[in-house]
Protein backbone atom coordinates (compact mmCIF):
# COMPACT_ATOMS: atom_id res chain seq x y z
CA MET A 1 -1.73 105.51 -61.56
CA SER A 2 -2.88 102.55 -63.37
CA SER A 3 -6.72 102.10 -63.40
CA ARG A 4 -6.62 99.45 -60.50
CA LYS A 5 -10.60 98.09 -59.71
CA ILE A 6 -11.65 98.65 -55.97
CA LEU A 7 -15.07 97.10 -54.44
CA VAL A 8 -16.54 99.11 -52.24
CA VAL A 9 -18.61 97.42 -49.85
CA ASP A 10 -21.29 99.29 -47.64
CA ASP A 11 -24.67 98.91 -46.96
CA GLU A 12 -25.31 102.87 -46.72
CA GLN A 13 -25.36 103.97 -50.50
CA ASN A 14 -24.35 107.65 -49.58
CA ILE A 15 -20.97 105.98 -47.76
CA CYS A 16 -20.23 103.74 -51.19
CA GLN A 17 -20.89 106.44 -53.78
CA LEU A 18 -18.30 109.45 -51.43
CA VAL A 19 -15.33 107.03 -51.59
CA GLY A 20 -16.34 105.69 -55.04
CA MET A 21 -16.16 109.60 -56.06
CA TYR A 22 -12.58 109.87 -54.09
CA LEU A 23 -10.95 106.92 -55.49
CA GLN A 24 -12.10 108.09 -59.68
CA THR A 25 -10.36 111.29 -58.90
CA ASN A 26 -7.21 109.18 -57.58
CA GLY A 27 -7.59 107.16 -61.09
CA PHE A 28 -9.09 103.83 -59.70
CA VAL A 29 -11.86 102.11 -60.95
CA TRP A 30 -14.93 101.27 -58.49
CA LYS A 31 -18.13 99.19 -57.98
CA SER A 32 -20.21 99.22 -54.71
CA ALA A 33 -22.04 96.41 -52.95
CA ASN A 34 -24.66 97.05 -50.37
CA ASP A 35 -24.79 93.98 -48.29
CA GLY A 36 -21.75 90.74 -47.45
CA ILE A 37 -23.85 88.28 -49.82
CA GLU A 38 -23.76 90.72 -52.68
CA ALA A 39 -20.01 91.10 -52.34
CA LEU A 40 -19.20 88.14 -52.40
CA GLU A 41 -20.81 86.97 -55.16
CA LEU A 42 -19.07 90.58 -56.90
CA LEU A 43 -16.03 88.80 -55.82
CA ALA A 44 -16.77 85.54 -57.29
CA ASN A 45 -17.88 86.30 -60.83
CA GLU A 46 -15.25 89.78 -61.18
CA VAL A 47 -11.78 90.50 -60.57
CA PHE A 48 -10.93 93.10 -57.94
CA ASP A 49 -7.34 94.41 -56.29
CA LEU A 50 -8.73 95.14 -53.04
CA VAL A 51 -11.85 95.38 -50.71
CA ILE A 52 -13.02 98.63 -48.80
CA LEU A 53 -15.08 96.62 -46.34
CA ASP A 54 -17.78 98.00 -43.82
CA ILE A 55 -18.57 95.79 -40.67
CA MET A 56 -22.32 96.61 -39.92
CA MET A 57 -24.03 94.98 -42.95
CA PRO A 58 -27.50 93.33 -43.14
CA ASN A 59 -27.54 89.85 -44.15
CA LEU A 60 -23.76 88.92 -43.79
CA ASP A 61 -21.30 91.18 -42.20
CA GLY A 62 -18.13 91.95 -42.53
CA TRP A 63 -16.73 90.23 -40.40
CA ALA A 64 -18.32 87.03 -42.05
CA VAL A 65 -17.48 88.18 -45.88
CA CYS A 66 -13.93 88.78 -44.76
CA LYS A 67 -13.53 85.39 -43.07
CA LYS A 68 -15.42 84.26 -46.53
CA ILE A 69 -12.52 86.00 -48.67
CA ARG A 70 -9.53 84.86 -46.39
CA GLU A 71 -10.92 81.35 -47.26
CA THR A 72 -10.12 81.37 -50.95
CA SER A 73 -8.05 84.78 -51.42
CA GLN A 74 -4.98 87.30 -50.45
CA ILE A 75 -6.58 90.18 -51.79
CA PRO A 76 -5.92 93.16 -50.18
CA VAL A 77 -9.11 94.30 -47.55
CA ILE A 78 -9.67 97.32 -45.69
CA PHE A 79 -12.15 97.68 -42.68
CA LEU A 80 -13.43 101.35 -42.62
CA SER A 81 -16.13 100.89 -40.38
CA ALA A 82 -17.86 103.55 -37.77
CA LYS A 83 -16.68 100.89 -34.42
CA GLY A 84 -13.69 102.37 -33.65
CA GLU A 85 -12.87 100.45 -29.95
CA GLU A 86 -9.69 98.57 -30.63
CA TRP A 87 -10.57 95.70 -29.76
CA ASP A 88 -12.72 96.09 -32.84
CA LYS A 89 -9.55 97.05 -34.81
CA VAL A 90 -7.38 94.34 -33.77
CA ASN A 91 -10.22 91.38 -34.47
CA GLY A 92 -9.96 93.16 -38.30
CA LEU A 93 -6.59 92.85 -38.38
CA LYS A 94 -6.51 89.03 -36.92
CA MET A 95 -8.84 88.12 -39.14
CA GLY A 96 -6.18 89.10 -41.78
CA ALA A 97 -7.43 92.63 -43.00
CA ASP A 98 -4.90 94.79 -44.17
CA ASP A 99 -5.75 97.82 -42.41
CA TYR A 100 -8.54 99.67 -40.45
CA ILE A 101 -9.87 102.68 -40.95
CA ILE A 102 -12.23 104.67 -38.48
CA LYS A 103 -15.00 106.71 -39.77
CA PRO A 104 -15.65 109.27 -40.04
CA PHE A 105 -12.69 109.61 -42.46
CA SER A 106 -10.78 112.20 -44.51
CA PRO A 107 -10.01 111.68 -48.51
CA GLY A 108 -6.72 111.71 -47.89
CA GLU A 109 -6.36 109.47 -45.42
CA LEU A 110 -8.31 106.98 -47.89
CA ILE A 111 -6.31 107.12 -50.64
CA ALA A 112 -2.79 106.71 -48.63
CA ARG A 113 -3.89 103.80 -46.59
CA VAL A 114 -5.63 102.47 -49.97
CA ASP A 115 -2.30 103.33 -52.12
CA ALA A 116 -0.09 101.86 -49.56
CA VAL A 117 -1.93 98.85 -48.94
CA LEU A 118 -2.01 98.21 -52.56
CA ARG A 119 1.82 98.99 -52.89
CA ARG A 120 2.54 96.51 -49.96
CA SER A 121 0.58 93.65 -51.24
CA ILE A 122 1.18 93.70 -55.30
CA GLY A 123 4.84 95.36 -54.37
CA ASN A 124 6.54 94.66 -57.58
CA GLN A 125 4.99 97.99 -59.62
CA GLU A 126 9.07 98.44 -60.23
CA PRO A 127 10.32 96.21 -63.30
CA SER A 128 11.66 92.91 -62.22
CA ASN A 129 15.53 94.07 -61.85
CA ASN A 130 14.01 96.68 -59.04
CA LEU A 131 15.04 99.53 -61.18
CA THR A 132 13.04 102.71 -61.12
CA GLN A 133 14.19 106.04 -62.76
CA VAL A 134 12.10 109.42 -63.72
CA GLY A 135 13.98 111.45 -65.80
CA ILE A 136 17.86 111.25 -65.06
CA ILE A 137 17.30 109.46 -61.35
CA ARG A 138 17.98 106.13 -61.15
CA ILE A 139 16.91 104.13 -58.15
CA ASN A 140 17.22 100.19 -57.67
CA LYS A 141 15.71 99.54 -55.03
CA SER A 142 17.29 96.22 -53.76
CA ALA A 143 20.82 97.31 -53.21
CA ARG A 144 19.27 101.15 -51.93
CA ALA A 145 21.19 102.96 -54.76
CA VAL A 146 20.32 106.06 -56.32
CA SER A 147 22.24 107.90 -59.24
CA ILE A 148 21.56 110.79 -61.44
CA LYS A 149 23.31 110.55 -64.37
CA ASP A 150 25.07 107.04 -63.56
CA THR A 151 26.84 109.11 -60.73
CA PRO A 152 25.78 107.45 -57.52
CA ILE A 153 24.50 110.35 -54.62
CA ASN A 154 24.48 109.35 -50.80
CA LEU A 155 21.59 109.17 -49.18
CA THR A 156 20.83 108.35 -45.99
CA LEU A 157 17.64 106.08 -44.68
CA LYS A 158 15.08 107.86 -44.68
CA GLU A 159 16.37 110.38 -47.56
CA PHE A 160 16.26 107.07 -49.65
CA ASP A 161 13.00 105.97 -48.60
CA LEU A 162 11.17 109.10 -49.24
CA LEU A 163 12.66 109.49 -53.11
CA LEU A 164 11.31 106.44 -53.77
CA TYR A 165 8.37 106.95 -52.66
CA LEU A 166 7.80 110.35 -54.23
CA CYS A 167 9.45 108.77 -57.78
CA LEU A 168 7.01 105.63 -57.32
CA HIS A 169 4.08 108.45 -57.37
CA GLN A 170 5.05 110.92 -59.46
CA GLY A 171 3.10 113.72 -60.42
CA GLN A 172 0.80 113.25 -57.34
CA VAL A 173 0.91 115.78 -54.77
CA PHE A 174 1.43 114.48 -51.50
CA THR A 175 0.54 116.51 -47.58
CA ARG A 176 3.23 116.50 -45.30
CA GLU A 177 0.80 114.52 -42.88
CA GLN A 178 0.44 111.87 -45.65
CA ILE A 179 4.27 111.35 -46.29
CA LEU A 180 4.83 110.79 -43.08
CA GLU A 181 2.50 108.26 -42.85
CA GLN A 182 3.53 106.61 -45.66
CA VAL A 183 7.45 106.87 -45.38
CA TRP A 184 7.99 107.01 -41.50
CA GLY A 185 4.79 105.11 -40.51
CA TYR A 186 1.91 105.76 -38.73
CA ASP A 187 3.06 105.28 -35.26
CA TYR A 188 5.52 108.11 -35.64
CA PHE A 189 5.46 110.92 -33.17
CA GLY A 190 7.28 113.83 -35.30
CA THR A 191 5.85 116.62 -36.52
CA ALA A 192 5.29 117.74 -40.26
CA ARG A 193 9.36 119.88 -39.86
CA THR A 194 10.35 116.51 -40.25
CA VAL A 195 9.67 116.34 -44.08
CA ASP A 196 10.65 119.35 -44.74
CA THR A 197 13.76 119.20 -43.26
CA HIS A 198 14.03 115.85 -45.23
CA ILE A 199 13.05 117.53 -48.47
CA LYS A 200 15.26 120.78 -47.94
CA THR A 201 18.41 118.12 -47.33
CA LEU A 202 17.13 115.62 -50.43
CA ARG A 203 16.93 118.77 -52.90
CA LEU A 204 20.96 119.29 -51.99
CA LYS A 205 21.91 116.48 -52.61
CA LEU A 206 20.11 115.98 -55.84
CA GLY A 207 21.96 119.42 -56.67
CA ASN A 208 21.02 121.05 -60.16
CA ASP A 209 18.49 118.40 -59.94
CA ALA A 210 16.59 119.39 -57.18
CA ASP A 211 13.43 120.79 -59.15
CA TYR A 212 12.40 117.01 -59.52
CA ILE A 213 10.78 118.20 -56.04
CA SER A 214 8.03 120.58 -56.43
CA THR A 215 6.24 122.99 -53.34
CA VAL A 216 2.49 123.08 -53.73
CA TRP A 217 1.87 125.58 -51.79
CA GLY A 218 -0.34 125.42 -49.30
CA VAL A 219 -0.76 121.55 -49.63
CA GLY A 220 2.60 120.11 -49.68
CA TYR A 221 5.01 118.16 -52.04
CA LYS A 222 4.78 116.29 -55.60
CA PHE A 223 7.82 114.24 -57.54
CA GLY A 224 8.67 114.37 -61.18
CA VAL A 225 10.24 116.05 -64.73
CA GLN A 226 9.60 119.56 -64.89
CA GLU A 227 7.60 120.72 -68.20
């Protein structure tokens, strides 16, 4: 993962440190602000790739900060707030936020959502020709085509989405729940068994190269060239 820079805005210093620790562990660079005014000053003078923003803060609350950001920038914004009513989430998204996470939160959920928002907003981590390659596995995103040593393999829609997601995050370990959220979507009501089933069929289609997908016992799966 490249060192993308994230601004964490929360008036509780312990929350900033906790979020920052999770981000740093997962390869991100981060900086914190303890109120909205400080956040806007930092955004005016430094380049960030994403903002994690609390709502209830002194001087300038998160609603006002998000509104101000959207006047001049499309930088991704994720609200991280204890305000968990449906109205709060709807209002945050209507104001231009890219996601809304309710406190208390899990480290896995936070990182998965940050990663998903960055992929959606930047969306061009792949080469400009839409080709992604890991080892001998080659994926053409726009054509939704996969080949191994130039031999095409036929995948279902979800098998393709699953393989692409894992390829774009090679070396990272994901729980079944994280994969469900990112590949099937947050509104999907299936179980973790859905992931296991698709991993099984995907491995069958990869044949002799099935070991690109590793099982991390007690956690989930990761993708990459085996050493």
